[in-house]
Amino acid sequence: MRAHVARLLGERYRVHSVANGDPALRAIPKLNPDLVLADVMMPVMDGFELLEAMRREADWAAIPVILLSARAGEESRLAGLKAGADDYLVKAFTSRELMARVA
């Protein structure tokens, strides 16, 4: 899924892909991203933990975060938004939907 999303977004955007939230968190100060797209279920540091760490850091708190998840229920979407995500995209999403939300 990560390779597919990176390939799709890479046609239009500069993409830096990592395996989980820990290397993503370490890359943020170096890359100064315009957006972070994170899976809710990642090993080591999941999407919620990454989001929480970003929101605690004043320099990163305003970076938009889109969470991706296989959990499709309203409660899951609301949990993501209440945690501070700017958007919550349920798998299996279409390429067009992903591109529209990222844009």
PDB file of N, CA and C in Angstrom:
ATOM      1  N   MET A   1       0.829  -1.190   0.000  1.00  0.00           N
ATOM      2  CA  MET A   1       0.000   0.000   0.000  1.00  0.00           C
ATOM      3  C   MET A   1       0.875   1.256   0.000  1.00  0.00           C
ATOM      4  N   ARG A   2       1.941   1.238   0.820  1.00  0.00           N
ATOM      5  CA  ARG A   2       2.829   2.405   0.894  1.00  0.00           C
ATOM      6  C   ARG A   2       3.462   2.692  -0.455  1.00  0.00           C
ATOM      7  N   ALA A   3       3.925   1.652  -1.147  1.00  0.00           N
ATOM      8  CA  ALA A   3       4.548   1.838  -2.461  1.00  0.00           C
ATOM      9  C   ALA A   3       3.534   2.367  -3.477  1.00  0.00           C
ATOM     10  N   HIS A   4       2.315   1.866  -3.423  1.00  0.00           N
ATOM     11  CA  HIS A   4       1.271   2.316  -4.342  1.00  0.00           C
ATOM     12  C   HIS A   4       0.951   3.798  -4.122  1.00  0.00           C
ATOM     13  N   VAL A   5       0.775   4.181  -2.865  1.00  0.00           N
ATOM     14  CA  VAL A   5       0.458   5.576  -2.543  1.00  0.00           C
ATOM     15  C   VAL A   5       1.618   6.490  -2.933  1.00  0.00           C
ATOM     16  N   ALA A   6       2.848   6.067  -2.638  1.00  0.00           N
ATOM     17  CA  ALA A   6       4.027   6.873  -2.983  1.00  0.00           C
ATOM     18  C   ALA A   6       4.147   7.046  -4.495  1.00  0.00           C
ATOM     19  N   ARG A   7       3.901   5.977  -5.227  1.00  0.00           N
ATOM     20  CA  ARG A   7       3.972   6.046  -6.692  1.00  0.00           C
ATOM     21  C   ARG A   7       2.888   6.977  -7.238  1.00  0.00           C
ATOM     22  N   LEU A   8       1.701   6.838  -6.739  1.00  0.00           N
ATOM     23  CA  LEU A   8       0.584   7.660  -7.198  1.00  0.00           C
ATOM     24  C   LEU A   8       0.833   9.139  -6.903  1.00  0.00           C
ATOM     25  N   LEU A   9       1.170   9.458  -5.661  1.00  0.00           N
ATOM     26  CA  LEU A   9       1.405  10.853  -5.290  1.00  0.00           C
ATOM     27  C   LEU A   9       2.685  11.404  -5.917  1.00  0.00           C
ATOM     28  N   GLY A  10       3.650  10.523  -6.161  1.00  0.00           N
ATOM     29  CA  GLY A  10       4.920  10.941  -6.745  1.00  0.00           C
ATOM     30  C   GLY A  10       4.796  11.492  -8.154  1.00  0.00           C
ATOM     31  N   GLU A  11       3.698  11.197  -8.822  1.00  0.00           N
ATOM     32  CA  GLU A  11       3.473  11.756 -10.156  1.00  0.00           C
ATOM     33  C   GLU A  11       3.218  13.259 -10.103  1.00  0.00           C
ATOM     34  N   ARG A  12       2.800  13.740  -8.948  1.00  0.00           N
ATOM     35  CA  ARG A  12       2.439  15.144  -8.814  1.00  0.00           C
ATOM     36  C   ARG A  12       3.189  15.888  -7.702  1.00  0.00           C
ATOM     37  N   TYR A  13       3.630  15.134  -6.697  1.00  0.00           N
ATOM     38  CA  TYR A  13       4.250  15.733  -5.525  1.00  0.00           C
ATOM     39  C   TYR A  13       5.605  15.095  -5.232  1.00  0.00           C
ATOM     40  N   ARG A  14       6.409  15.801  -4.446  1.00  0.00           N
ATOM     41  CA  ARG A  14       7.651  15.219  -3.935  1.00  0.00           C
ATOM     42  C   ARG A  14       7.257  14.379  -2.727  1.00  0.00           C
ATOM     43  N   VAL A  15       7.589  13.110  -2.748  1.00  0.00           N
ATOM     44  CA  VAL A  15       7.148  12.164  -1.727  1.00  0.00           C
ATOM     45  C   VAL A  15       8.361  11.555  -1.031  1.00  0.00           C
ATOM     46  N   HIS A  16       8.297  11.488   0.274  1.00  0.00           N
ATOM     47  CA  HIS A  16       9.296  10.789   1.076  1.00  0.00           C
ATOM     48  C   HIS A  16       8.536   9.726   1.853  1.00  0.00           C
ATOM     49  N   SER A  17       8.870   8.468   1.630  1.00  0.00           N
ATOM     50  CA  SER A  17       8.135   7.360   2.232  1.00  0.00           C
ATOM     51  C   SER A  17       8.990   6.676   3.298  1.00  0.00           C
ATOM     52  N   VAL A  18       8.380   6.353   4.438  1.00  0.00           N
ATOM     53  CA  VAL A  18       9.049   5.639   5.526  1.00  0.00           C
ATOM     54  C   VAL A  18       8.133   4.526   6.038  1.00  0.00           C
ATOM     55  N   ALA A  19       8.725   3.612   6.825  1.00  0.00           N
ATOM     56  CA  ALA A  19       8.000   2.417   7.262  1.00  0.00           C
ATOM     57  C   ALA A  19       7.033   2.654   8.416  1.00  0.00           C
ATOM     58  N   ASN A  20       7.303   3.653   9.264  1.00  0.00           N
ATOM     59  CA  ASN A  20       6.417   3.887  10.395  1.00  0.00           C
ATOM     60  C   ASN A  20       6.619   5.299  10.925  1.00  0.00           C
ATOM     61  N   GLY A  21       5.936   5.617  11.999  1.00  0.00           N
ATOM     62  CA  GLY A  21       5.954   6.969  12.538  1.00  0.00           C
ATOM     63  C   GLY A  21       7.283   7.426  13.102  1.00  0.00           C
ATOM     64  N   ASP A  22       8.116   6.497  13.588  1.00  0.00           N
ATOM     65  CA  ASP A  22       9.395   6.891  14.170  1.00  0.00           C
ATOM     66  C   ASP A  22      10.311   7.557  13.144  1.00  0.00           C
ATOM     67  N   PRO A  23      10.611   6.925  11.993  1.00  0.00           N
ATOM     68  CA  PRO A  23      11.430   7.619  11.003  1.00  0.00           C
ATOM     69  C   PRO A  23      10.721   8.841  10.404  1.00  0.00           C
ATOM     70  N   ALA A  24       9.396   8.815  10.375  1.00  0.00           N
ATOM     71  CA  ALA A  24       8.663   9.984   9.888  1.00  0.00           C
ATOM     72  C   ALA A  24       8.897  11.166  10.818  1.00  0.00           C
ATOM     73  N   LEU A  25       8.818  10.921  12.108  1.00  0.00           N
ATOM     74  CA  LEU A  25       9.023  11.981  13.091  1.00  0.00           C
ATOM     75  C   LEU A  25      10.441  12.552  12.992  1.00  0.00           C
ATOM     76  N   ARG A  26      11.421  11.676  12.768  1.00  0.00           N
ATOM     77  CA  ARG A  26      12.804  12.136  12.620  1.00  0.00           C
ATOM     78  C   ARG A  26      13.026  12.890  11.310  1.00  0.00           C
ATOM     79  N   ALA A  27      12.226  12.601  10.284  1.00  0.00           N
ATOM     80  CA  ALA A  27      12.388  13.248   8.982  1.00  0.00           C
ATOM     81  C   ALA A  27      11.725  14.623   8.907  1.00  0.00           C
ATOM     82  N   ILE A  28      10.736  14.863   9.736  1.00  0.00           N
ATOM     83  CA  ILE A  28       9.979  16.116   9.654  1.00  0.00           C
ATOM     84  C   ILE A  28      10.856  17.359   9.740  1.00  0.00           C
ATOM     85  N   PRO A  29      11.777  17.480  10.700  1.00  0.00           N
ATOM     86  CA  PRO A  29      12.578  18.708  10.748  1.00  0.00           C
ATOM     87  C   PRO A  29      13.506  18.868   9.545  1.00  0.00           C
ATOM     88  N   LYS A  30      13.903  17.755   8.942  1.00  0.00           N
ATOM     89  CA  LYS A  30      14.792  17.813   7.777  1.00  0.00           C
ATOM     90  C   LYS A  30      14.036  18.159   6.499  1.00  0.00           C
ATOM     91  N   LEU A  31      12.837  17.618   6.365  1.00  0.00           N
ATOM     92  CA  LEU A  31      12.075  17.757   5.120  1.00  0.00           C
ATOM     93  C   LEU A  31      11.102  18.926   5.121  1.00  0.00           C
ATOM     94  N   ASN A  32      10.672  19.353   6.296  1.00  0.00           N
ATOM     95  CA  ASN A  32       9.676  20.422   6.403  1.00  0.00           C
ATOM     96  C   ASN A  32       8.494  20.155   5.462  1.00  0.00           C
ATOM     97  N   PRO A  33       7.767  19.065   5.682  1.00  0.00           N
ATOM     98  CA  PRO A  33       6.715  18.661   4.740  1.00  0.00           C
ATOM     99  C   PRO A  33       5.517  19.606   4.746  1.00  0.00           C
ATOM    100  N   ASP A  34       4.835  19.647   3.616  1.00  0.00           N
ATOM    101  CA  ASP A  34       3.588  20.397   3.499  1.00  0.00           C
ATOM    102  C   ASP A  34       2.408  19.585   4.017  1.00  0.00           C
ATOM    103  N   LEU A  35       2.585  18.261   4.081  1.00  0.00           N
ATOM    104  CA  LEU A  35       1.528  17.343   4.480  1.00  0.00           C
ATOM    105  C   LEU A  35       2.163  16.054   4.964  1.00  0.00           C
ATOM    106  N   VAL A  36       1.536  15.420   5.968  1.00  0.00           N
ATOM    107  CA  VAL A  36       1.936  14.080   6.400  1.00  0.00           C
ATOM    108  C   VAL A  36       0.734  13.163   6.207  1.00  0.00           C
ATOM    109  N   LEU A  37       0.974  12.073   5.514  1.00  0.00           N
ATOM    110  CA  LEU A  37      -0.028  11.046   5.272  1.00  0.00           C
ATOM    111  C   LEU A  37       0.425   9.828   6.067  1.00  0.00           C
ATOM    112  N   ALA A  38      -0.358   9.387   7.038  1.00  0.00           N
ATOM    113  CA  ALA A  38       0.073   8.307   7.926  1.00  0.00           C
ATOM    114  C   ALA A  38      -0.996   7.246   8.082  1.00  0.00           C
ATOM    115  N   ASP A  39      -0.570   5.997   8.037  1.00  0.00           N
ATOM    116  CA  ASP A  39      -1.472   4.886   8.302  1.00  0.00           C
ATOM    117  C   ASP A  39      -1.705   4.803   9.800  1.00  0.00           C
ATOM    118  N   VAL A  40      -2.918   4.519  10.194  1.00  0.00           N
ATOM    119  CA  VAL A  40      -3.215   4.370  11.612  1.00  0.00           C
ATOM    120  C   VAL A  40      -2.458   3.175  12.179  1.00  0.00           C
ATOM    121  N   MET A  41      -2.397   2.078  11.435  1.00  0.00           N
ATOM    122  CA  MET A  41      -1.755   0.856  11.927  1.00  0.00           C
ATOM    123  C   MET A  41      -0.370   0.706  11.303  1.00  0.00           C
ATOM    124  N   MET A  42       0.640   1.137  12.045  1.00  0.00           N
ATOM    125  CA  MET A  42       2.034   0.977  11.636  1.00  0.00           C
ATOM    126  C   MET A  42       2.779   0.371  12.814  1.00  0.00           C
ATOM    127  N   PRO A  43       3.836  -0.400  12.530  1.00  0.00           N
ATOM    128  CA  PRO A  43       4.638  -0.935  13.634  1.00  0.00           C
ATOM    129  C   PRO A  43       5.466   0.180  14.283  1.00  0.00           C
ATOM    130  N   VAL A  44       5.982  -0.065  15.447  1.00  0.00           N
ATOM    131  CA  VAL A  44       6.860   0.812  16.216  1.00  0.00           C
ATOM    132  C   VAL A  44       6.122   2.058  16.703  1.00  0.00           C
ATOM    133  N   MET A  45       5.723   2.943  15.795  1.00  0.00           N
ATOM    134  CA  MET A  45       4.957   4.139  16.153  1.00  0.00           C
ATOM    135  C   MET A  45       3.805   4.259  15.159  1.00  0.00           C
ATOM    136  N   ASP A  46       2.576   4.114  15.649  1.00  0.00           N
ATOM    137  CA  ASP A  46       1.426   4.147  14.746  1.00  0.00           C
ATOM    138  C   ASP A  46       1.029   5.580  14.386  1.00  0.00           C
ATOM    139  N   GLY A  47       0.025   5.700  13.560  1.00  0.00           N
ATOM    140  CA  GLY A  47      -0.401   7.010  13.080  1.00  0.00           C
ATOM    141  C   GLY A  47      -0.901   7.937  14.179  1.00  0.00           C
ATOM    142  N   PHE A  48      -1.600   7.394  15.164  1.00  0.00           N
ATOM    143  CA  PHE A  48      -2.081   8.222  16.269  1.00  0.00           C
ATOM    144  C   PHE A  48      -0.922   8.739  17.117  1.00  0.00           C
ATOM    145  N   GLU A  49       0.069   7.893  17.351  1.00  0.00           N
ATOM    146  CA  GLU A  49       1.243   8.319  18.127  1.00  0.00           C
ATOM    147  C   GLU A  49       2.032   9.388  17.380  1.00  0.00           C
ATOM    148  N   LEU A  50       2.167   9.209  16.074  1.00  0.00           N
ATOM    149  CA  LEU A  50       2.850  10.214  15.252  1.00  0.00           C
ATOM    150  C   LEU A  50       2.089  11.535  15.311  1.00  0.00           C
ATOM    151  N   LEU A  51       0.798  11.472  15.127  1.00  0.00           N
ATOM    152  CA  LEU A  51      -0.035  12.672  15.172  1.00  0.00           C
ATOM    153  C   LEU A  51       0.088  13.379  16.516  1.00  0.00           C
ATOM    154  N   GLU A  52       0.024  12.626  17.600  1.00  0.00           N
ATOM    155  CA  GLU A  52       0.143  13.211  18.941  1.00  0.00           C
ATOM    156  C   GLU A  52       1.501  13.901  19.113  1.00  0.00           C
ATOM    157  N   ALA A  53       2.570  13.255  18.669  1.00  0.00           N
ATOM    158  CA  ALA A  53       3.903  13.846  18.788  1.00  0.00           C
ATOM    159  C   ALA A  53       4.021  15.119  17.952  1.00  0.00           C
ATOM    160  N   MET A  54       3.423  15.113  16.782  1.00  0.00           N
ATOM    161  CA  MET A  54       3.466  16.302  15.922  1.00  0.00           C
ATOM    162  C   MET A  54       2.694  17.461  16.546  1.00  0.00           C
ATOM    163  N   ARG A  55       1.549  17.184  17.109  1.00  0.00           N
ATOM    164  CA  ARG A  55       0.715  18.243  17.670  1.00  0.00           C
ATOM    165  C   ARG A  55       1.322  18.840  18.938  1.00  0.00           C
ATOM    166  N   ARG A  56       2.180  18.087  19.624  1.00  0.00           N
ATOM    167  CA  ARG A  56       2.870  18.603  20.821  1.00  0.00           C
ATOM    168  C   ARG A  56       4.007  19.556  20.459  1.00  0.00           C
ATOM    169  N   GLU A  57       4.551  19.425  19.265  1.00  0.00           N
ATOM    170  CA  GLU A  57       5.700  20.232  18.837  1.00  0.00           C
ATOM    171  C   GLU A  57       5.189  21.476  18.112  1.00  0.00           C
ATOM    172  N   ALA A  58       5.446  22.640  18.662  1.00  0.00           N
ATOM    173  CA  ALA A  58       4.899  23.888  18.115  1.00  0.00           C
ATOM    174  C   ALA A  58       5.251  24.092  16.643  1.00  0.00           C
ATOM    175  N   ASP A  59       6.457  23.753  16.247  1.00  0.00           N
ATOM    176  CA  ASP A  59       6.877  23.955  14.856  1.00  0.00           C
ATOM    177  C   ASP A  59       6.158  23.026  13.882  1.00  0.00           C
ATOM    178  N   TRP A  60       5.612  21.941  14.359  1.00  0.00           N
ATOM    179  CA  TRP A  60       4.969  20.958  13.476  1.00  0.00           C
ATOM    180  C   TRP A  60       3.458  20.897  13.650  1.00  0.00           C
ATOM    181  N   ALA A  61       2.939  21.593  14.625  1.00  0.00           N
ATOM    182  CA  ALA A  61       1.521  21.468  14.966  1.00  0.00           C
ATOM    183  C   ALA A  61       0.591  21.869  13.828  1.00  0.00           C
ATOM    184  N   ALA A  62       1.042  22.765  12.963  1.00  0.00           N
ATOM    185  CA  ALA A  62       0.185  23.245  11.879  1.00  0.00           C
ATOM    186  C   ALA A  62       0.319  22.417  10.598  1.00  0.00           C
ATOM    187  N   ILE A  63       1.215  21.443  10.572  1.00  0.00           N
ATOM    188  CA  ILE A  63       1.361  20.603   9.374  1.00  0.00           C
ATOM    189  C   ILE A  63       0.115  19.727   9.254  1.00  0.00           C
ATOM    190  N   PRO A  64      -0.571  19.790   8.122  1.00  0.00           N
ATOM    191  CA  PRO A  64      -1.759  18.947   7.945  1.00  0.00           C
ATOM    192  C   PRO A  64      -1.400  17.460   7.980  1.00  0.00           C
ATOM    193  N   VAL A  65      -2.257  16.681   8.604  1.00  0.00           N
ATOM    194  CA  VAL A  65      -2.079  15.230   8.699  1.00  0.00           C
ATOM    195  C   VAL A  65      -3.345  14.549   8.208  1.00  0.00           C
ATOM    196  N   ILE A  66      -3.177  13.620   7.283  1.00  0.00           N
ATOM    197  CA  ILE A  66      -4.274  12.766   6.832  1.00  0.00           C
ATOM    198  C   ILE A  66      -3.969  11.363   7.340  1.00  0.00           C
ATOM    199  N   LEU A  67      -4.893  10.790   8.089  1.00  0.00           N
ATOM    200  CA  LEU A  67      -4.750   9.421   8.560  1.00  0.00           C
ATOM    201  C   LEU A  67      -5.450   8.472   7.598  1.00  0.00           C
ATOM    202  N   LEU A  68      -4.795   7.347   7.329  1.00  0.00           N
ATOM    203  CA  LEU A  68      -5.367   6.279   6.509  1.00  0.00           C
ATOM    204  C   LEU A  68      -5.668   5.105   7.422  1.00  0.00           C
ATOM    205  N   SER A  69      -6.812   4.464   7.209  1.00  0.00           N
ATOM    206  CA  SER A  69      -7.163   3.348   8.072  1.00  0.00           C
ATOM    207  C   SER A  69      -8.103   2.376   7.384  1.00  0.00           C
ATOM    208  N   ALA A  70      -8.007   1.124   7.792  1.00  0.00           N
ATOM    209  CA  ALA A  70      -8.962   0.117   7.333  1.00  0.00           C
ATOM    210  C   ALA A  70     -10.238   0.157   8.168  1.00  0.00           C
ATOM    211  N   ARG A  71     -10.204   0.868   9.281  1.00  0.00           N
ATOM    212  CA  ARG A  71     -11.380   0.983  10.147  1.00  0.00           C
ATOM    213  C   ARG A  71     -12.333   2.022   9.568  1.00  0.00           C
ATOM    214  N   ALA A  72     -13.495   1.529   9.137  1.00  0.00           N
ATOM    215  CA  ALA A  72     -14.391   2.368   8.360  1.00  0.00           C
ATOM    216  C   ALA A  72     -15.530   3.008   9.144  1.00  0.00           C
ATOM    217  N   GLY A  73     -15.726   2.635  10.365  1.00  0.00           N
ATOM    218  CA  GLY A  73     -16.878   3.132  11.102  1.00  0.00           C
ATOM    219  C   GLY A  73     -16.779   4.601  11.466  1.00  0.00           C
ATOM    220  N   GLU A  74     -17.938   5.164  11.764  1.00  0.00           N
ATOM    221  CA  GLU A  74     -18.004   6.568  12.151  1.00  0.00           C
ATOM    222  C   GLU A  74     -17.165   6.843  13.395  1.00  0.00           C
ATOM    223  N   GLU A  75     -17.181   5.931  14.352  1.00  0.00           N
ATOM    224  CA  GLU A  75     -16.413   6.117  15.588  1.00  0.00           C
ATOM    225  C   GLU A  75     -14.915   6.223  15.288  1.00  0.00           C
ATOM    226  N   SER A  76     -14.422   5.414  14.372  1.00  0.00           N
ATOM    227  CA  SER A  76     -13.001   5.456  14.016  1.00  0.00           C
ATOM    228  C   SER A  76     -12.650   6.777  13.351  1.00  0.00           C
ATOM    229  N   ARG A  77     -13.489   7.227  12.437  1.00  0.00           N
ATOM    230  CA  ARG A  77     -13.243   8.514  11.767  1.00  0.00           C
ATOM    231  C   ARG A  77     -13.262   9.659  12.777  1.00  0.00           C
ATOM    232  N   LEU A  78     -14.241   9.628  13.656  1.00  0.00           N
ATOM    233  CA  LEU A  78     -14.328  10.677  14.670  1.00  0.00           C
ATOM    234  C   LEU A  78     -13.136  10.648  15.615  1.00  0.00           C
ATOM    235  N   ALA A  79     -12.656   9.462  15.969  1.00  0.00           N
ATOM    236  CA  ALA A  79     -11.482   9.349  16.838  1.00  0.00           C
ATOM    237  C   ALA A  79     -10.266   9.987  16.172  1.00  0.00           C
ATOM    238  N   GLY A  80     -10.107   9.755  14.872  1.00  0.00           N
ATOM    239  CA  GLY A  80      -9.000  10.361  14.140  1.00  0.00           C
ATOM    240  C   GLY A  80      -9.094  11.873  14.094  1.00  0.00           C
ATOM    241  N   LEU A  81     -10.268  12.377  13.832  1.00  0.00           N
ATOM    242  CA  LEU A  81     -10.457  13.824  13.757  1.00  0.00           C
ATOM    243  C   LEU A  81     -10.319  14.472  15.131  1.00  0.00           C
ATOM    244  N   LYS A  82     -10.853  13.817  16.161  1.00  0.00           N
ATOM    245  CA  LYS A  82     -10.727  14.351  17.521  1.00  0.00           C
ATOM    246  C   LYS A  82      -9.274  14.348  17.993  1.00  0.00           C
ATOM    247  N   ALA A  83      -8.473  13.416  17.480  1.00  0.00           N
ATOM    248  CA  ALA A  83      -7.057  13.347  17.854  1.00  0.00           C
ATOM    249  C   ALA A  83      -6.245  14.461  17.190  1.00  0.00           C
ATOM    250  N   GLY A  84      -6.857  15.151  16.231  1.00  0.00           N
ATOM    251  CA  GLY A  84      -6.165  16.268  15.591  1.00  0.00           C
ATOM    252  C   GLY A  84      -5.845  16.074  14.131  1.00  0.00           C
ATOM    253  N   ALA A  85      -6.290  14.970  13.541  1.00  0.00           N
ATOM    254  CA  ALA A  85      -6.068  14.771  12.110  1.00  0.00           C
ATOM    255  C   ALA A  85      -6.904  15.778  11.318  1.00  0.00           C
ATOM    256  N   ASP A  86      -6.369  16.194  10.201  1.00  0.00           N
ATOM    257  CA  ASP A  86      -7.093  17.118   9.333  1.00  0.00           C
ATOM    258  C   ASP A  86      -8.082  16.385   8.440  1.00  0.00           C
ATOM    259  N   ASP A  87      -7.804  15.098   8.203  1.00  0.00           N
ATOM    260  CA  ASP A  87      -8.705  14.278   7.395  1.00  0.00           C
ATOM    261  C   ASP A  87      -8.463  12.825   7.776  1.00  0.00           C
ATOM    262  N   TYR A  88      -9.409  11.962   7.432  1.00  0.00           N
ATOM    263  CA  TYR A  88      -9.351  10.537   7.755  1.00  0.00           C
ATOM    264  C   TYR A  88      -9.878   9.806   6.538  1.00  0.00           C
ATOM    265  N   LEU A  89      -9.042   9.039   5.909  1.00  0.00           N
ATOM    266  CA  LEU A  89      -9.394   8.365   4.661  1.00  0.00           C
ATOM    267  C   LEU A  89      -9.437   6.865   4.896  1.00  0.00           C
ATOM    268  N   VAL A  90     -10.563   6.244   4.566  1.00  0.00           N
ATOM    269  CA  VAL A  90     -10.767   4.825   4.809  1.00  0.00           C
ATOM    270  C   VAL A  90     -10.306   4.020   3.600  1.00  0.00           C
ATOM    271  N   LYS A  91      -9.518   2.969   3.890  1.00  0.00           N
ATOM    272  CA  LYS A  91      -9.098   2.026   2.847  1.00  0.00           C
ATOM    273  C   LYS A  91     -10.296   1.146   2.521  1.00  0.00           C
ATOM    274  N   ALA A  92     -10.527   0.732   1.394  1.00  0.00           N
ATOM    275  CA  ALA A  92      -9.822   0.926   0.153  1.00  0.00           C
ATOM    276  C   ALA A  92     -10.409   2.162  -0.533  1.00  0.00           C
ATOM    277  N   PHE A  93      -9.612   3.176  -0.607  1.00  0.00           N
ATOM    278  CA  PHE A  93     -10.003   4.418  -1.252  1.00  0.00           C
ATOM    279  C   PHE A  93      -9.571   4.368  -2.712  1.00  0.00           C
ATOM    280  N   THR A  94     -10.176   5.224  -3.506  1.00  0.00           N
ATOM    281  CA  THR A  94      -9.789   5.291  -4.916  1.00  0.00           C
ATOM    282  C   THR A  94      -8.623   6.259  -5.079  1.00  0.00           C
ATOM    283  N   SER A  95      -7.912   6.104  -6.155  1.00  0.00           N
ATOM    284  CA  SER A  95      -6.804   7.016  -6.459  1.00  0.00           C
ATOM    285  C   SER A  95      -7.306   8.442  -6.584  1.00  0.00           C
ATOM    286  N   ARG A  96      -8.443   8.608  -7.203  1.00  0.00           N
ATOM    287  CA  ARG A  96      -9.013   9.953  -7.371  1.00  0.00           C
ATOM    288  C   ARG A  96      -9.355  10.589  -6.033  1.00  0.00           C
ATOM    289  N   GLU A  97      -9.900   9.805  -5.118  1.00  0.00           N
ATOM    290  CA  GLU A  97     -10.248  10.331  -3.803  1.00  0.00           C
ATOM    291  C   GLU A  97      -8.979  10.745  -3.044  1.00  0.00           C
ATOM    292  N   LEU A  98      -7.962   9.904  -3.078  1.00  0.00           N
ATOM    293  CA  LEU A  98      -6.705  10.243  -2.418  1.00  0.00           C
ATOM    294  C   LEU A  98      -6.123  11.530  -2.984  1.00  0.00           C
ATOM    295  N   MET A  99      -6.057  11.631  -4.296  1.00  0.00           N
ATOM    296  CA  MET A  99      -5.495  12.823  -4.924  1.00  0.00           C
ATOM    297  C   MET A  99      -6.307  14.071  -4.563  1.00  0.00           C
ATOM    298  N   ALA A 100      -7.614  13.948  -4.532  1.00  0.00           N
ATOM    299  CA  ALA A 100      -8.463  15.091  -4.198  1.00  0.00           C
ATOM    300  C   ALA A 100      -8.253  15.541  -2.753  1.00  0.00           C
ATOM    301  N   ARG A 101      -8.149  14.606  -1.843  1.00  0.00           N
ATOM    302  CA  ARG A 101      -7.971  14.967  -0.439  1.00  0.00           C
ATOM    303  C   ARG A 101      -6.590  15.550  -0.175  1.00  0.00           C
ATOM    304  N   VAL A 102      -5.573  15.022  -0.837  1.00  0.00           N
ATOM    305  CA  VAL A 102      -4.220  15.555  -0.689  1.00  0.00           C
ATOM    306  C   VAL A 102      -4.148  16.961  -1.256  1.00  0.00           C
ATOM    307  N   ALA A 103      -4.795  17.174  -2.395  1.00  0.00           N
ATOM    308  CA  ALA A 103      -4.781  18.506  -3.019  1.00  0.00           C
ATOM    309  C   ALA A 103      -5.467  19.515  -2.116  1.00  0.00           C
TER     310      ALA A 103
END
